[in-house]
């Protein structure tokens, strides 16, 4: 059985995780979970929410869906970690089992409407 001193020592030896690092990990884990579970409905919800707040993600999605327009991928490096993970999700939408073109089309219409 661990003593109180051992418990305190092991807790103090743990690495400090900053709120930013914690946010990065949460975003990555969330996208990983969606992709692992092939949860297309949840993927659409997450991408839609991300596009509401990020004009570049809207443009990137339209480029992904139609291919008529292009976006500079150098802009990815300017995204925060949450939006970087959402972009990763966009890139994988057609790899999720059960994806529906109608849902992708509706998401494109939404992106165009709020742009």
N, C-alpha and C. Protein backbone atom coordinates (compact mmCIF):
# COMPACT_ATOMS: atom_id res chain seq x y z
N UNK A 1 0.84 -1.18 0.00
CA UNK A 1 0.00 0.00 0.00
C UNK A 1 0.88 1.24 0.00
N UNK A 2 0.50 2.22 -0.80
CA UNK A 2 1.28 3.46 -0.91
C UNK A 2 1.04 4.34 0.30
N UNK A 3 2.10 4.95 0.74
CA UNK A 3 1.96 5.92 1.82
C UNK A 3 1.55 7.27 1.24
N UNK A 4 1.12 8.16 2.11
CA UNK A 4 0.75 9.50 1.68
C UNK A 4 1.93 10.21 1.05
N UNK A 5 3.12 10.01 1.59
CA UNK A 5 4.33 10.64 1.05
C UNK A 5 4.58 10.15 -0.36
N UNK A 6 4.45 8.83 -0.59
CA UNK A 6 4.65 8.28 -1.93
C UNK A 6 3.62 8.84 -2.91
N UNK A 7 2.38 8.99 -2.48
CA UNK A 7 1.33 9.52 -3.34
C UNK A 7 1.63 10.97 -3.72
N UNK A 8 2.02 11.77 -2.74
CA UNK A 8 2.36 13.17 -3.00
C UNK A 8 3.57 13.25 -3.92
N UNK A 9 4.56 12.40 -3.69
CA UNK A 9 5.77 12.41 -4.53
C UNK A 9 5.41 12.06 -5.97
N UNK A 10 4.61 11.03 -6.17
CA UNK A 10 4.28 10.64 -7.54
C UNK A 10 3.43 11.72 -8.22
N UNK A 11 2.56 12.39 -7.48
CA UNK A 11 1.76 13.47 -8.06
C UNK A 11 2.64 14.64 -8.45
N UNK A 12 3.64 14.94 -7.65
CA UNK A 12 4.51 16.08 -7.96
C UNK A 12 5.47 15.76 -9.11
N UNK A 13 5.71 14.50 -9.36
CA UNK A 13 6.61 14.10 -10.46
C UNK A 13 5.90 14.11 -11.81
N UNK A 14 4.58 14.15 -11.80
CA UNK A 14 3.84 14.20 -13.06
C UNK A 14 4.16 15.48 -13.79
N UNK A 15 4.17 15.38 -15.10
CA UNK A 15 4.42 16.57 -15.90
C UNK A 15 3.21 17.48 -15.85
N UNK A 16 3.51 18.76 -15.80
CA UNK A 16 2.45 19.76 -15.86
C UNK A 16 1.93 19.83 -17.29
N UNK A 17 0.63 19.80 -17.44
CA UNK A 17 0.01 19.94 -18.76
C UNK A 17 -0.73 21.27 -18.77
N UNK A 18 -0.28 22.16 -19.63
CA UNK A 18 -0.90 23.48 -19.71
C UNK A 18 -2.31 23.37 -20.28
N UNK A 19 -3.14 24.36 -20.02
CA UNK A 19 -4.49 24.34 -20.60
C UNK A 19 -4.47 24.26 -22.13
N UNK A 20 -3.48 24.87 -22.76
CA UNK A 20 -3.37 24.81 -24.22
C UNK A 20 -3.05 23.39 -24.67
N UNK A 21 -2.10 22.75 -24.01
CA UNK A 21 -1.76 21.37 -24.35
C UNK A 21 -2.96 20.46 -24.12
N UNK A 22 -3.70 20.72 -23.06
CA UNK A 22 -4.89 19.94 -22.76
C UNK A 22 -5.93 20.11 -23.87
N UNK A 23 -6.09 21.34 -24.35
CA UNK A 23 -7.04 21.62 -25.43
C UNK A 23 -6.63 20.90 -26.72
N UNK A 24 -5.33 20.91 -27.00
CA UNK A 24 -4.83 20.20 -28.19
C UNK A 24 -5.17 18.72 -28.12
N UNK A 25 -4.90 18.14 -26.97
CA UNK A 25 -5.13 16.71 -26.79
C UNK A 25 -6.62 16.38 -26.89
N UNK A 26 -7.46 17.21 -26.31
CA UNK A 26 -8.90 16.98 -26.39
C UNK A 26 -9.39 17.03 -27.83
N UNK A 27 -8.92 18.02 -28.59
CA UNK A 27 -9.33 18.15 -29.99
C UNK A 27 -8.87 16.95 -30.80
N UNK A 28 -7.63 16.56 -30.61
CA UNK A 28 -7.09 15.40 -31.35
C UNK A 28 -7.85 14.13 -30.99
N UNK A 29 -8.07 13.91 -29.71
CA UNK A 29 -8.79 12.72 -29.27
C UNK A 29 -10.22 12.69 -29.81
N UNK A 30 -10.86 13.85 -29.85
CA UNK A 30 -12.23 13.93 -30.34
C UNK A 30 -12.30 13.53 -31.81
N UNK A 31 -11.41 14.06 -32.62
CA UNK A 31 -11.39 13.72 -34.05
C UNK A 31 -11.00 12.26 -34.24
N UNK A 32 -10.01 11.79 -33.49
CA UNK A 32 -9.62 10.38 -33.57
C UNK A 32 -10.81 9.46 -33.26
N UNK A 33 -11.58 9.83 -32.24
CA UNK A 33 -12.75 9.03 -31.85
C UNK A 33 -13.79 9.00 -32.96
N UNK A 34 -14.05 10.14 -33.56
CA UNK A 34 -15.03 10.22 -34.66
C UNK A 34 -14.58 9.35 -35.83
N UNK A 35 -13.31 9.45 -36.19
CA UNK A 35 -12.80 8.67 -37.32
C UNK A 35 -12.78 7.18 -36.99
N UNK A 36 -12.35 6.84 -35.80
CA UNK A 36 -12.27 5.43 -35.40
C UNK A 36 -13.66 4.78 -35.41
N UNK A 37 -14.65 5.53 -34.94
CA UNK A 37 -16.01 4.99 -34.86
C UNK A 37 -16.83 5.17 -36.14
N UNK A 38 -16.20 5.77 -37.17
CA UNK A 38 -16.92 6.02 -38.43
C UNK A 38 -18.24 6.75 -38.17
N UNK A 39 -18.18 7.79 -37.35
CA UNK A 39 -19.38 8.53 -36.96
C UNK A 39 -19.55 9.73 -37.89
N UNK A 40 -20.15 9.47 -39.05
CA UNK A 40 -20.31 10.51 -40.06
C UNK A 40 -21.20 11.65 -39.58
N UNK A 41 -22.26 11.34 -38.88
CA UNK A 41 -23.19 12.37 -38.40
C UNK A 41 -22.47 13.32 -37.45
N UNK A 42 -21.69 12.80 -36.53
CA UNK A 42 -20.95 13.64 -35.60
C UNK A 42 -19.86 14.43 -36.33
N UNK A 43 -19.24 13.81 -37.32
CA UNK A 43 -18.21 14.51 -38.10
C UNK A 43 -18.80 15.73 -38.78
N UNK A 44 -19.98 15.59 -39.36
CA UNK A 44 -20.64 16.72 -40.02
C UNK A 44 -20.94 17.82 -39.01
N UNK A 45 -21.41 17.46 -37.82
CA UNK A 45 -21.70 18.45 -36.78
C UNK A 45 -20.45 19.23 -36.39
N UNK A 46 -19.34 18.52 -36.19
CA UNK A 46 -18.09 19.16 -35.77
C UNK A 46 -17.56 20.09 -36.87
N UNK A 47 -17.59 19.63 -38.11
CA UNK A 47 -17.10 20.45 -39.23
C UNK A 47 -17.99 21.69 -39.37
N UNK A 48 -19.29 21.51 -39.29
CA UNK A 48 -20.21 22.65 -39.41
C UNK A 48 -19.94 23.68 -38.33
N UNK A 49 -19.76 23.24 -37.10
CA UNK A 49 -19.47 24.15 -35.99
C UNK A 49 -18.16 24.89 -36.24
N UNK A 50 -17.15 24.18 -36.73
CA UNK A 50 -15.87 24.82 -37.03
C UNK A 50 -15.98 25.86 -38.12
N UNK A 51 -16.78 25.57 -39.13
CA UNK A 51 -16.94 26.51 -40.25
C UNK A 51 -17.69 27.76 -39.84
N UNK A 52 -18.52 27.67 -38.82
CA UNK A 52 -19.26 28.85 -38.35
C UNK A 52 -18.30 29.95 -37.91
N UNK A 53 -17.16 29.56 -37.40
CA UNK A 53 -16.23 30.52 -36.80
C UNK A 53 -14.94 30.73 -37.58
N UNK A 54 -14.78 30.05 -38.70
CA UNK A 54 -13.51 30.15 -39.40
C UNK A 54 -13.74 30.20 -40.91
N UNK A 55 -13.49 31.36 -41.49
CA UNK A 55 -13.72 31.57 -42.92
C UNK A 55 -12.81 30.68 -43.77
N UNK A 56 -11.57 30.48 -43.33
CA UNK A 56 -10.65 29.64 -44.11
C UNK A 56 -11.14 28.19 -44.15
N UNK A 57 -11.68 27.69 -43.04
CA UNK A 57 -12.23 26.33 -43.04
C UNK A 57 -13.41 26.21 -44.00
N UNK A 58 -14.21 27.26 -44.10
CA UNK A 58 -15.32 27.24 -45.07
C UNK A 58 -14.77 27.12 -46.49
N UNK A 59 -13.78 27.95 -46.80
CA UNK A 59 -13.19 27.92 -48.15
C UNK A 59 -12.52 26.57 -48.41
N UNK A 60 -11.85 26.04 -47.40
CA UNK A 60 -11.17 24.74 -47.55
C UNK A 60 -12.20 23.63 -47.79
N UNK A 61 -13.32 23.70 -47.07
CA UNK A 61 -14.35 22.68 -47.27
C UNK A 61 -14.92 22.75 -48.68
N UNK A 62 -15.23 23.95 -49.14
CA UNK A 62 -15.77 24.10 -50.50
C UNK A 62 -14.77 23.56 -51.52
N UNK A 63 -13.49 23.82 -51.31
CA UNK A 63 -12.46 23.29 -52.19
C UNK A 63 -12.42 21.76 -52.13
N UNK A 64 -12.54 21.22 -50.92
CA UNK A 64 -12.57 19.76 -50.73
C UNK A 64 -13.77 19.15 -51.45
N UNK A 65 -14.93 19.77 -51.31
CA UNK A 65 -16.14 19.18 -51.86
C UNK A 65 -16.23 19.30 -53.37
N UNK A 66 -15.98 20.46 -53.90
CA UNK A 66 -16.15 20.70 -55.33
C UNK A 66 -14.87 20.58 -56.13
N UNK A 67 -13.80 21.06 -55.56
CA UNK A 67 -12.54 21.06 -56.29
C UNK A 67 -12.42 22.17 -57.31
N UNK A 68 -13.45 23.03 -57.40
CA UNK A 68 -13.41 24.13 -58.36
C UNK A 68 -12.51 25.26 -57.88
N UNK A 69 -12.51 25.48 -56.59
CA UNK A 69 -11.69 26.54 -56.02
C UNK A 69 -10.52 25.90 -55.27
N UNK A 70 -9.50 26.68 -55.07
CA UNK A 70 -8.37 26.16 -54.31
C UNK A 70 -8.08 27.10 -53.14
N UNK A 71 -7.51 26.53 -52.12
CA UNK A 71 -7.06 27.32 -50.97
C UNK A 71 -5.58 27.01 -50.76
N UNK A 72 -4.90 27.96 -50.20
CA UNK A 72 -3.49 27.76 -49.91
C UNK A 72 -3.34 26.93 -48.64
N UNK A 73 -2.69 25.80 -48.79
CA UNK A 73 -2.49 24.95 -47.62
C UNK A 73 -1.49 25.54 -46.63
N UNK A 74 -0.78 26.58 -47.03
CA UNK A 74 0.13 27.23 -46.08
C UNK A 74 -0.66 27.86 -44.93
N UNK A 75 -1.94 28.12 -45.17
CA UNK A 75 -2.79 28.69 -44.13
C UNK A 75 -3.07 27.72 -42.99
N UNK A 76 -2.88 26.43 -43.23
CA UNK A 76 -3.10 25.44 -42.17
C UNK A 76 -2.21 25.75 -40.97
N UNK A 77 -1.02 26.22 -41.23
CA UNK A 77 -0.09 26.51 -40.13
C UNK A 77 -0.56 27.69 -39.28
N UNK A 78 -1.52 28.44 -39.76
CA UNK A 78 -2.05 29.57 -38.99
C UNK A 78 -3.29 29.21 -38.18
N UNK A 79 -3.80 27.99 -38.36
CA UNK A 79 -4.96 27.55 -37.60
C UNK A 79 -4.55 27.18 -36.18
N UNK A 80 -5.47 27.38 -35.25
CA UNK A 80 -5.20 26.87 -33.90
C UNK A 80 -5.37 25.35 -33.94
N UNK A 81 -5.07 24.70 -32.82
CA UNK A 81 -5.09 23.23 -32.81
C UNK A 81 -6.47 22.66 -33.04
N UNK A 82 -7.48 23.29 -32.51
CA UNK A 82 -8.84 22.77 -32.69
C UNK A 82 -9.21 22.81 -34.17
N UNK A 83 -8.96 23.94 -34.82
CA UNK A 83 -9.31 24.06 -36.24
C UNK A 83 -8.40 23.19 -37.13
N UNK A 84 -7.18 22.96 -36.70
CA UNK A 84 -6.31 22.04 -37.44
C UNK A 84 -6.91 20.64 -37.42
N UNK A 85 -7.42 20.23 -36.28
CA UNK A 85 -8.05 18.91 -36.18
C UNK A 85 -9.34 18.85 -36.99
N UNK A 86 -10.09 19.95 -37.01
CA UNK A 86 -11.30 19.99 -37.84
C UNK A 86 -10.93 19.88 -39.32
N UNK A 87 -9.85 20.53 -39.71
CA UNK A 87 -9.39 20.41 -41.10
C UNK A 87 -9.01 18.96 -41.41
N UNK A 88 -8.37 18.30 -40.46
CA UNK A 88 -8.03 16.88 -40.65
C UNK A 88 -9.31 16.06 -40.83
N UNK A 89 -10.33 16.41 -40.09
CA UNK A 89 -11.61 15.72 -40.22
C UNK A 89 -12.21 15.96 -41.60
N UNK A 90 -12.15 17.20 -42.08
CA UNK A 90 -12.65 17.53 -43.43
C UNK A 90 -11.96 16.62 -44.46
N UNK A 91 -10.66 16.51 -44.35
CA UNK A 91 -9.89 15.71 -45.32
C UNK A 91 -10.27 14.24 -45.31
N UNK A 92 -10.89 13.79 -44.23
CA UNK A 92 -11.24 12.38 -44.10
C UNK A 92 -12.72 12.08 -44.22
N UNK A 93 -13.54 13.08 -44.52
CA UNK A 93 -14.99 12.86 -44.54
C UNK A 93 -15.40 11.73 -45.48
N UNK A 94 -14.78 11.66 -46.65
CA UNK A 94 -15.18 10.62 -47.61
C UNK A 94 -14.57 9.25 -47.28
N UNK A 95 -13.76 9.20 -46.24
CA UNK A 95 -13.20 7.92 -45.80
C UNK A 95 -14.02 7.29 -44.69
N UNK A 96 -14.99 8.02 -44.17
CA UNK A 96 -15.84 7.51 -43.09
C UNK A 96 -16.92 6.63 -43.70
N UNK A 97 -17.04 5.42 -43.16
CA UNK A 97 -18.07 4.50 -43.67
C UNK A 97 -19.44 5.14 -43.53
N UNK A 98 -20.22 5.00 -44.56
CA UNK A 98 -21.59 5.51 -44.53
C UNK A 98 -21.70 6.99 -44.88
N UNK A 99 -20.63 7.58 -45.42
CA UNK A 99 -20.72 9.00 -45.78
C UNK A 99 -21.77 9.17 -46.88
N UNK A 100 -22.41 10.32 -46.86
CA UNK A 100 -23.49 10.60 -47.81
C UNK A 100 -23.20 11.89 -48.55
N UNK A 101 -23.24 11.83 -49.86
CA UNK A 101 -22.98 13.02 -50.65
C UNK A 101 -24.00 14.10 -50.37
N UNK A 102 -25.24 13.73 -50.11
CA UNK A 102 -26.28 14.73 -49.81
C UNK A 102 -25.88 15.55 -48.58
N UNK A 103 -25.33 14.91 -47.57
CA UNK A 103 -24.90 15.62 -46.37
C UNK A 103 -23.72 16.54 -46.67
N UNK A 104 -22.81 16.07 -47.51
CA UNK A 104 -21.67 16.91 -47.90
C UNK A 104 -22.14 18.11 -48.70
N UNK A 105 -23.12 17.88 -49.59
CA UNK A 105 -23.69 18.97 -50.37
C UNK A 105 -24.36 20.01 -49.47
N UNK A 106 -25.13 19.54 -48.49
CA UNK A 106 -25.81 20.45 -47.56
C UNK A 106 -24.79 21.26 -46.75
N UNK A 107 -23.69 20.63 -46.40
CA UNK A 107 -22.64 21.34 -45.67
C UNK A 107 -21.99 22.40 -46.56
N UNK A 108 -21.82 22.08 -47.85
CA UNK A 108 -21.28 23.07 -48.78
C UNK A 108 -22.24 24.25 -48.91
N UNK A 109 -23.52 23.97 -49.01
CA UNK A 109 -24.52 25.04 -49.11
C UNK A 109 -24.48 25.93 -47.87
N UNK A 110 -24.33 25.33 -46.72
CA UNK A 110 -24.21 26.08 -45.47
C UNK A 110 -22.97 26.96 -45.51
N UNK A 111 -21.85 26.42 -45.94
CA UNK A 111 -20.59 27.18 -46.01
C UNK A 111 -20.72 28.37 -46.95
N UNK A 112 -21.35 28.15 -48.10
CA UNK A 112 -21.52 29.23 -49.06
C UNK A 112 -22.47 30.30 -48.53
N UNK A 113 -23.50 29.89 -47.82
CA UNK A 113 -24.49 30.81 -47.29
C UNK A 113 -23.88 31.77 -46.26
N UNK A 114 -22.99 31.26 -45.42
CA UNK A 114 -22.44 32.13 -44.36
C UNK A 114 -21.14 32.81 -44.76
N UNK A 115 -20.64 32.51 -45.95
CA UNK A 115 -19.38 33.15 -46.40
C UNK A 115 -19.60 34.59 -46.84
